[in-house]
Amino acid sequence: MQIEVKEPGTGVLLLLDAKSENYQGKHGMRIRYPNGASFFIVAQSGAWRSADHHHVAPRFLINIGMAIEGRKLTEQLVDQSNI
């Protein structure tokens, strides 16, 4: 599925691909950038976390999770001090 995600530091809107996947025995989502780079995330204890040793900023993970869950784009986090 295609998801729209705000980059929290800049507010730039990114169009990412999110696909359900099993990775090393964990079920989660493979997030892929348009350039093909990707990382794997899982939902644990109500929060989305990187599960393949890629660093993903916590606020960006929150926005990705909101997009996956179908929440409104206006709910995603943006650092207002950087805009």
PDB file of N, CA and C in Angstrom:
ATOM      1  N   MET A   1       0.845  -1.171   0.000  1.00  0.00           N
ATOM      2  CA  MET A   1       0.000   0.000   0.000  1.00  0.00           C
ATOM      3  C   MET A   1       0.887   1.230   0.000  1.00  0.00           C
ATOM      4  N   GLN A   2       0.416   2.276  -0.613  1.00  0.00           N
ATOM      5  CA  GLN A   2       1.111   3.552  -0.619  1.00  0.00           C
ATOM      6  C   GLN A   2       0.660   4.353   0.597  1.00  0.00           C
ATOM      7  N   ILE A   3       1.625   4.958   1.291  1.00  0.00           N
ATOM      8  CA  ILE A   3       1.292   5.802   2.439  1.00  0.00           C
ATOM      9  C   ILE A   3       1.947   7.170   2.267  1.00  0.00           C
ATOM     10  N   GLU A   4       1.259   8.193   2.758  1.00  0.00           N
ATOM     11  CA  GLU A   4       1.805   9.543   2.761  1.00  0.00           C
ATOM     12  C   GLU A   4       2.300   9.841   4.166  1.00  0.00           C
ATOM     13  N   VAL A   5       3.575  10.218   4.254  1.00  0.00           N
ATOM     14  CA  VAL A   5       4.198  10.423   5.556  1.00  0.00           C
ATOM     15  C   VAL A   5       4.921  11.760   5.561  1.00  0.00           C
ATOM     16  N   LYS A   6       4.669  12.551   6.596  1.00  0.00           N
ATOM     17  CA  LYS A   6       5.389  13.812   6.755  1.00  0.00           C
ATOM     18  C   LYS A   6       6.740  13.529   7.408  1.00  0.00           C
ATOM     19  N   GLU A   7       7.793  14.118   6.872  1.00  0.00           N
ATOM     20  CA  GLU A   7       9.101  14.074   7.517  1.00  0.00           C
ATOM     21  C   GLU A   7       9.014  15.110   8.633  1.00  0.00           C
ATOM     22  N   PRO A   8       9.097  14.688   9.902  1.00  0.00           N
ATOM     23  CA  PRO A   8       8.808  15.594  11.010  1.00  0.00           C
ATOM     24  C   PRO A   8       9.707  16.831  11.091  1.00  0.00           C
ATOM     25  N   GLY A   9      10.951  16.717  10.689  1.00  0.00           N
ATOM     26  CA  GLY A   9      11.860  17.849  10.799  1.00  0.00           C
ATOM     27  C   GLY A   9      11.583  18.955   9.812  1.00  0.00           C
ATOM     28  N   THR A  10      11.028  18.611   8.650  1.00  0.00           N
ATOM     29  CA  THR A  10      10.827  19.595   7.590  1.00  0.00           C
ATOM     30  C   THR A  10       9.373  19.760   7.177  1.00  0.00           C
ATOM     31  N   GLY A  11       8.544  18.779   7.472  1.00  0.00           N
ATOM     32  CA  GLY A  11       7.157  18.800   7.033  1.00  0.00           C
ATOM     33  C   GLY A  11       6.977  18.339   5.599  1.00  0.00           C
ATOM     34  N   VAL A  12       8.076  17.932   4.936  1.00  0.00           N
ATOM     35  CA  VAL A  12       8.006  17.463   3.552  1.00  0.00           C
ATOM     36  C   VAL A  12       7.184  16.178   3.505  1.00  0.00           C
ATOM     37  N   LEU A  13       6.289  16.081   2.540  1.00  0.00           N
ATOM     38  CA  LEU A  13       5.444  14.920   2.378  1.00  0.00           C
ATOM     39  C   LEU A  13       6.150  13.874   1.515  1.00  0.00           C
ATOM     40  N   LEU A  14       6.265  12.658   2.029  1.00  0.00           N
ATOM     41  CA  LEU A  14       6.898  11.555   1.314  1.00  0.00           C
ATOM     42  C   LEU A  14       5.852  10.515   0.959  1.00  0.00           C
ATOM     43  N   LEU A  15       5.964   9.943  -0.215  1.00  0.00           N
ATOM     44  CA  LEU A  15       5.103   8.843  -0.634  1.00  0.00           C
ATOM     45  C   LEU A  15       5.932   7.574  -0.533  1.00  0.00           C
ATOM     46  N   LEU A  16       5.573   6.710   0.405  1.00  0.00           N
ATOM     47  CA  LEU A  16       6.314   5.482   0.672  1.00  0.00           C
ATOM     48  C   LEU A  16       5.431   4.277   0.405  1.00  0.00           C
ATOM     49  N   ASP A  17       6.066   3.134   0.177  1.00  0.00           N
ATOM     50  CA  ASP A  17       5.361   1.872   0.010  1.00  0.00           C
ATOM     51  C   ASP A  17       5.482   1.093   1.309  1.00  0.00           C
ATOM     52  N   ALA A  18       4.384   0.565   1.805  1.00  0.00           N
ATOM     53  CA  ALA A  18       4.375  -0.241   3.023  1.00  0.00           C
ATOM     54  C   ALA A  18       3.769  -1.598   2.689  1.00  0.00           C
ATOM     55  N   LYS A  19       4.529  -2.651   2.955  1.00  0.00           N
ATOM     56  CA  LYS A  19       4.077  -3.993   2.611  1.00  0.00           C
ATOM     57  C   LYS A  19       4.262  -4.925   3.806  1.00  0.00           C
ATOM     58  N   SER A  20       3.229  -5.688   4.103  1.00  0.00           N
ATOM     59  CA  SER A  20       3.290  -6.667   5.181  1.00  0.00           C
ATOM     60  C   SER A  20       4.366  -7.707   4.877  1.00  0.00           C
ATOM     61  N   GLU A  21       5.145  -8.066   5.904  1.00  0.00           N
ATOM     62  CA  GLU A  21       6.248  -9.003   5.691  1.00  0.00           C
ATOM     63  C   GLU A  21       6.600  -9.720   6.993  1.00  0.00           C
ATOM     64  N   ASN A  22       7.113 -10.925   6.860  1.00  0.00           N
ATOM     65  CA  ASN A  22       7.725 -11.638   7.981  1.00  0.00           C
ATOM     66  C   ASN A  22       9.227 -11.552   7.798  1.00  0.00           C
ATOM     67  N   TYR A  23       9.929 -11.118   8.847  1.00  0.00           N
ATOM     68  CA  TYR A  23      11.379 -10.939   8.790  1.00  0.00           C
ATOM     69  C   TYR A  23      11.972 -11.506  10.067  1.00  0.00           C
ATOM     70  N   GLN A  24      12.804 -12.503   9.935  1.00  0.00           N
ATOM     71  CA  GLN A  24      13.459 -13.155  11.070  1.00  0.00           C
ATOM     72  C   GLN A  24      12.461 -13.534  12.161  1.00  0.00           C
ATOM     73  N   GLY A  25      11.342 -14.105  11.737  1.00  0.00           N
ATOM     74  CA  GLY A  25      10.332 -14.584  12.672  1.00  0.00           C
ATOM     75  C   GLY A  25       9.399 -13.520  13.227  1.00  0.00           C
ATOM     76  N   LYS A  26       9.531 -12.291  12.775  1.00  0.00           N
ATOM     77  CA  LYS A  26       8.662 -11.210  13.247  1.00  0.00           C
ATOM     78  C   LYS A  26       7.765 -10.763  12.106  1.00  0.00           C
ATOM     79  N   HIS A  27       6.511 -10.464  12.455  1.00  0.00           N
ATOM     80  CA  HIS A  27       5.584  -9.938  11.455  1.00  0.00           C
ATOM     81  C   HIS A  27       5.539  -8.423  11.605  1.00  0.00           C
ATOM     82  N   GLY A  28       5.698  -7.718  10.497  1.00  0.00           N
ATOM     83  CA  GLY A  28       5.667  -6.260  10.521  1.00  0.00           C
ATOM     84  C   GLY A  28       5.460  -5.712   9.127  1.00  0.00           C
ATOM     85  N   MET A  29       6.039  -4.551   8.890  1.00  0.00           N
ATOM     86  CA  MET A  29       5.875  -3.860   7.612  1.00  0.00           C
ATOM     87  C   MET A  29       7.239  -3.493   7.045  1.00  0.00           C
ATOM     88  N   ARG A  30       7.419  -3.760   5.768  1.00  0.00           N
ATOM     89  CA  ARG A  30       8.603  -3.325   5.030  1.00  0.00           C
ATOM     90  C   ARG A  30       8.255  -1.955   4.442  1.00  0.00           C
ATOM     91  N   ILE A  31       9.008  -0.938   4.803  1.00  0.00           N
ATOM     92  CA  ILE A  31       8.795   0.425   4.323  1.00  0.00           C
ATOM     93  C   ILE A  31       9.849   0.694   3.252  1.00  0.00           C
ATOM     94  N   ARG A  32       9.394   1.085   2.071  1.00  0.00           N
ATOM     95  CA  ARG A  32      10.304   1.278   0.938  1.00  0.00           C
ATOM     96  C   ARG A  32      10.169   2.703   0.399  1.00  0.00           C
ATOM     97  N   TYR A  33      11.336   3.350   0.262  1.00  0.00           N
ATOM     98  CA  TYR A  33      11.405   4.674  -0.362  1.00  0.00           C
ATOM     99  C   TYR A  33      11.310   4.519  -1.883  1.00  0.00           C
ATOM    100  N   PRO A  34      10.970   5.587  -2.597  1.00  0.00           N
ATOM    101  CA  PRO A  34      10.908   5.511  -4.062  1.00  0.00           C
ATOM    102  C   PRO A  34      12.225   5.075  -4.707  1.00  0.00           C
ATOM    103  N   ASN A  35      13.369   5.338  -4.062  1.00  0.00           N
ATOM    104  CA  ASN A  35      14.667   4.949  -4.631  1.00  0.00           C
ATOM    105  C   ASN A  35      15.010   3.480  -4.388  1.00  0.00           C
ATOM    106  N   GLY A  36      14.128   2.744  -3.696  1.00  0.00           N
ATOM    107  CA  GLY A  36      14.332   1.321  -3.449  1.00  0.00           C
ATOM    108  C   GLY A  36      14.882   0.994  -2.073  1.00  0.00           C
ATOM    109  N   ALA A  37      15.460   1.960  -1.370  1.00  0.00           N
ATOM    110  CA  ALA A  37      15.949   1.716  -0.015  1.00  0.00           C
ATOM    111  C   ALA A  37      14.763   1.350   0.880  1.00  0.00           C
ATOM    112  N   SER A  38      15.020   0.480   1.861  1.00  0.00           N
ATOM    113  CA  SER A  38      13.914   0.056   2.707  1.00  0.00           C
ATOM    114  C   SER A  38      14.393  -0.266   4.118  1.00  0.00           C
ATOM    115  N   PHE A  39      13.421  -0.368   5.009  1.00  0.00           N
ATOM    116  CA  PHE A  39      13.669  -0.820   6.379  1.00  0.00           C
ATOM    117  C   PHE A  39      12.419  -1.538   6.859  1.00  0.00           C
ATOM    118  N   PHE A  40      12.569  -2.315   7.927  1.00  0.00           N
ATOM    119  CA  PHE A  40      11.488  -3.155   8.446  1.00  0.00           C
ATOM    120  C   PHE A  40      11.094  -2.645   9.825  1.00  0.00           C
ATOM    121  N   ILE A  41       9.773  -2.508  10.067  1.00  0.00           N
ATOM    122  CA  ILE A  41       9.285  -2.070  11.364  1.00  0.00           C
ATOM    123  C   ILE A  41       8.243  -3.050  11.896  1.00  0.00           C
ATOM    124  N   VAL A  42       8.142  -3.100  13.225  1.00  0.00           N
ATOM    125  CA  VAL A  42       7.138  -3.936  13.887  1.00  0.00           C
ATOM    126  C   VAL A  42       6.421  -3.096  14.937  1.00  0.00           C
ATOM    127  N   ALA A  43       5.196  -3.466  15.224  1.00  0.00           N
ATOM    128  CA  ALA A  43       4.434  -2.824  16.299  1.00  0.00           C
ATOM    129  C   ALA A  43       4.686  -3.616  17.571  1.00  0.00           C
ATOM    130  N   GLN A  44       5.193  -2.934  18.590  1.00  0.00           N
ATOM    131  CA  GLN A  44       5.452  -3.570  19.889  1.00  0.00           C
ATOM    132  C   GLN A  44       4.954  -2.649  20.992  1.00  0.00           C
ATOM    133  N   SER A  45       4.123  -3.174  21.858  1.00  0.00           N
ATOM    134  CA  SER A  45       3.609  -2.414  23.005  1.00  0.00           C
ATOM    135  C   SER A  45       2.988  -1.088  22.584  1.00  0.00           C
ATOM    136  N   GLY A  46       2.268  -1.092  21.472  1.00  0.00           N
ATOM    137  CA  GLY A  46       1.556   0.094  21.023  1.00  0.00           C
ATOM    138  C   GLY A  46       2.391   1.114  20.273  1.00  0.00           C
ATOM    139  N   ALA A  47       3.648   0.776  19.963  1.00  0.00           N
ATOM    140  CA  ALA A  47       4.510   1.712  19.227  1.00  0.00           C
ATOM    141  C   ALA A  47       5.208   0.965  18.096  1.00  0.00           C
ATOM    142  N   TRP A  48       5.525   1.686  17.036  1.00  0.00           N
ATOM    143  CA  TRP A  48       6.259   1.106  15.919  1.00  0.00           C
ATOM    144  C   TRP A  48       7.753   1.260  16.183  1.00  0.00           C
ATOM    145  N   ARG A  49       8.508   0.182  15.898  1.00  0.00           N
ATOM    146  CA  ARG A  49       9.944   0.182  16.142  1.00  0.00           C
ATOM    147  C   ARG A  49      10.674  -0.435  14.956  1.00  0.00           C
ATOM    148  N   SER A  50      11.878   0.071  14.703  1.00  0.00           N
ATOM    149  CA  SER A  50      12.727  -0.513  13.668  1.00  0.00           C
ATOM    150  C   SER A  50      13.162  -1.893  14.139  1.00  0.00           C
ATOM    151  N   ALA A  51      13.120  -2.870  13.240  1.00  0.00           N
ATOM    152  CA  ALA A  51      13.444  -4.243  13.640  1.00  0.00           C
ATOM    153  C   ALA A  51      14.551  -4.856  12.789  1.00  0.00           C
ATOM    154  N   ASP A  52      15.219  -4.047  11.966  1.00  0.00           N
ATOM    155  CA  ASP A  52      16.295  -4.613  11.148  1.00  0.00           C
ATOM    156  C   ASP A  52      17.589  -3.809  11.271  1.00  0.00           C
ATOM    157  N   HIS A  53      17.772  -3.180  12.416  1.00  0.00           N
ATOM    158  CA  HIS A  53      19.001  -2.467  12.765  1.00  0.00           C
ATOM    159  C   HIS A  53      19.245  -1.207  11.940  1.00  0.00           C
ATOM    160  N   HIS A  54      18.229  -0.703  11.240  1.00  0.00           N
ATOM    161  CA  HIS A  54      18.335   0.598  10.574  1.00  0.00           C
ATOM    162  C   HIS A  54      17.896   1.664  11.566  1.00  0.00           C
ATOM    163  N   HIS A  55      18.638   2.745  11.630  1.00  0.00           N
ATOM    164  CA  HIS A  55      18.204   3.844  12.497  1.00  0.00           C
ATOM    165  C   HIS A  55      17.073   4.594  11.795  1.00  0.00           C
ATOM    166  N   VAL A  56      15.970   4.719  12.491  1.00  0.00           N
ATOM    167  CA  VAL A  56      14.840   5.501  11.999  1.00  0.00           C
ATOM    168  C   VAL A  56      14.445   6.431  13.137  1.00  0.00           C
ATOM    169  N   ALA A  57      14.376   7.716  12.854  1.00  0.00           N
ATOM    170  CA  ALA A  57      14.046   8.699  13.885  1.00  0.00           C
ATOM    171  C   ALA A  57      12.694   8.367  14.528  1.00  0.00           C
ATOM    172  N   PRO A  58      12.615   8.448  15.849  1.00  0.00           N
ATOM    173  CA  PRO A  58      11.375   8.076  16.554  1.00  0.00           C
ATOM    174  C   PRO A  58      10.139   8.828  16.065  1.00  0.00           C
ATOM    175  N   ARG A  59      10.253  10.120  15.810  1.00  0.00           N
ATOM    176  CA  ARG A  59       9.077  10.889  15.363  1.00  0.00           C
ATOM    177  C   ARG A  59       8.662  10.481  13.952  1.00  0.00           C
ATOM    178  N   PHE A  60       9.628  10.095  13.119  1.00  0.00           N
ATOM    179  CA  PHE A  60       9.313   9.602  11.783  1.00  0.00           C
ATOM    180  C   PHE A  60       8.574   8.271  11.884  1.00  0.00           C
ATOM    181  N   LEU A  61       9.002   7.404  12.801  1.00  0.00           N
ATOM    182  CA  LEU A  61       8.305   6.130  13.029  1.00  0.00           C
ATOM    183  C   LEU A  61       6.867   6.363  13.478  1.00  0.00           C
ATOM    184  N   ILE A  62       6.670   7.349  14.334  1.00  0.00           N
ATOM    185  CA  ILE A  62       5.312   7.673  14.780  1.00  0.00           C
ATOM    186  C   ILE A  62       4.445   8.046  13.581  1.00  0.00           C
ATOM    187  N   ASN A  63       4.984   8.895  12.702  1.00  0.00           N
ATOM    188  CA  ASN A  63       4.214   9.317  11.518  1.00  0.00           C
ATOM    189  C   ASN A  63       3.940   8.150  10.580  1.00  0.00           C
ATOM    190  N   ILE A  64       4.927   7.282  10.398  1.00  0.00           N
ATOM    191  CA  ILE A  64       4.713   6.096   9.559  1.00  0.00           C
ATOM    192  C   ILE A  64       3.604   5.237  10.153  1.00  0.00           C
ATOM    193  N   GLY A  65       3.653   5.018  11.453  1.00  0.00           N
ATOM    194  CA  GLY A  65       2.621   4.227  12.124  1.00  0.00           C
ATOM    195  C   GLY A  65       1.236   4.826  11.944  1.00  0.00           C
ATOM    196  N   MET A  66       1.141   6.142  12.081  1.00  0.00           N
ATOM    197  CA  MET A  66      -0.159   6.801  11.886  1.00  0.00           C
ATOM    198  C   MET A  66      -0.662   6.600  10.463  1.00  0.00           C
ATOM    199  N   ALA A  67       0.237   6.689   9.484  1.00  0.00           N
ATOM    200  CA  ALA A  67      -0.162   6.491   8.085  1.00  0.00           C
ATOM    201  C   ALA A  67      -0.633   5.060   7.856  1.00  0.00           C
ATOM    202  N   ILE A  68       0.093   4.088   8.393  1.00  0.00           N
ATOM    203  CA  ILE A  68      -0.292   2.675   8.249  1.00  0.00           C
ATOM    204  C   ILE A  68      -1.655   2.429   8.877  1.00  0.00           C
ATOM    205  N   GLU A  69      -1.889   3.051  10.012  1.00  0.00           N
ATOM    206  CA  GLU A  69      -3.149   2.862  10.738  1.00  0.00           C
ATOM    207  C   GLU A  69      -4.306   3.650  10.140  1.00  0.00           C
ATOM    208  N   GLY A  70      -4.037   4.437   9.078  1.00  0.00           N
ATOM    209  CA  GLY A  70      -5.103   5.168   8.400  1.00  0.00           C
ATOM    210  C   GLY A  70      -5.516   6.455   9.067  1.00  0.00           C
ATOM    211  N   ARG A  71      -4.675   6.973   9.954  1.00  0.00           N
ATOM    212  CA  ARG A  71      -4.995   8.229  10.618  1.00  0.00           C
ATOM    213  C   ARG A  71      -4.845   9.389   9.636  1.00  0.00           C
ATOM    214  N   LYS A  72      -5.452  10.504   9.953  1.00  0.00           N
ATOM    215  CA  LYS A  72      -5.433  11.681   9.082  1.00  0.00           C
ATOM    216  C   LYS A  72      -4.017  12.247   8.981  1.00  0.00           C
ATOM    217  N   LEU A  73      -3.686  12.743   7.805  1.00  0.00           N
ATOM    218  CA  LEU A  73      -2.384  13.354   7.559  1.00  0.00           C
ATOM    219  C   LEU A  73      -2.143  14.530   8.506  1.00  0.00           C
ATOM    220  N   THR A  74      -3.191  15.249   8.857  1.00  0.00           N
ATOM    221  CA  THR A  74      -3.059  16.408   9.749  1.00  0.00           C
ATOM    222  C   THR A  74      -2.642  16.014  11.162  1.00  0.00           C
ATOM    223  N   GLU A  75      -2.787  14.746  11.525  1.00  0.00           N
ATOM    224  CA  GLU A  75      -2.392  14.286  12.860  1.00  0.00           C
ATOM    225  C   GLU A  75      -0.899  14.004  12.965  1.00  0.00           C
ATOM    226  N   GLN A  76      -0.213  13.878  11.821  1.00  0.00           N
ATOM    227  CA  GLN A  76       1.212  13.540  11.852  1.00  0.00           C
ATOM    228  C   GLN A  76       2.031  14.683  12.431  1.00  0.00           C
ATOM    229  N   LEU A  77       3.127  14.323  13.076  1.00  0.00           N
ATOM    230  CA  LEU A  77       3.976  15.271  13.785  1.00  0.00           C
ATOM    231  C   LEU A  77       4.857  16.076  12.845  1.00  0.00           C
ATOM    232  N   VAL A  78       4.976  17.364  13.137  1.00  0.00           N
ATOM    233  CA  VAL A  78       5.899  18.249  12.431  1.00  0.00           C
ATOM    234  C   VAL A  78       6.522  19.155  13.478  1.00  0.00           C
ATOM    235  N   ASP A  79       7.844  19.284  13.448  1.00  0.00           N
ATOM    236  CA  ASP A  79       8.553  20.170  14.361  1.00  0.00           C
ATOM    237  C   ASP A  79       8.366  21.596  13.883  1.00  0.00           C
ATOM    238  N   GLN A  80       7.462  22.315  14.495  1.00  0.00           N
ATOM    239  CA  GLN A  80       7.104  23.666  14.053  1.00  0.00           C
ATOM    240  C   GLN A  80       8.266  24.648  14.139  1.00  0.00           C
ATOM    241  N   SER A  81       9.257  24.379  14.996  1.00  0.00           N
ATOM    242  CA  SER A  81      10.373  25.308  15.139  1.00  0.00           C
ATOM    243  C   SER A  81      11.303  25.298  13.927  1.00  0.00           C
ATOM    244  N   ASN A  82      11.249  24.235  13.096  1.00  0.00           N
ATOM    245  CA  ASN A  82      12.114  24.133  11.933  1.00  0.00           C
ATOM    246  C   ASN A  82      11.474  24.642  10.652  1.00  0.00           C
ATOM    247  N   ILE A  83      10.212  25.020  10.719  1.00  0.00           N
ATOM    248  CA  ILE A  83       9.496  25.434   9.497  1.00  0.00           C
ATOM    249  C   ILE A  83       9.455  26.939   9.389  1.00  0.00           C
TER     250      ILE A  83
END
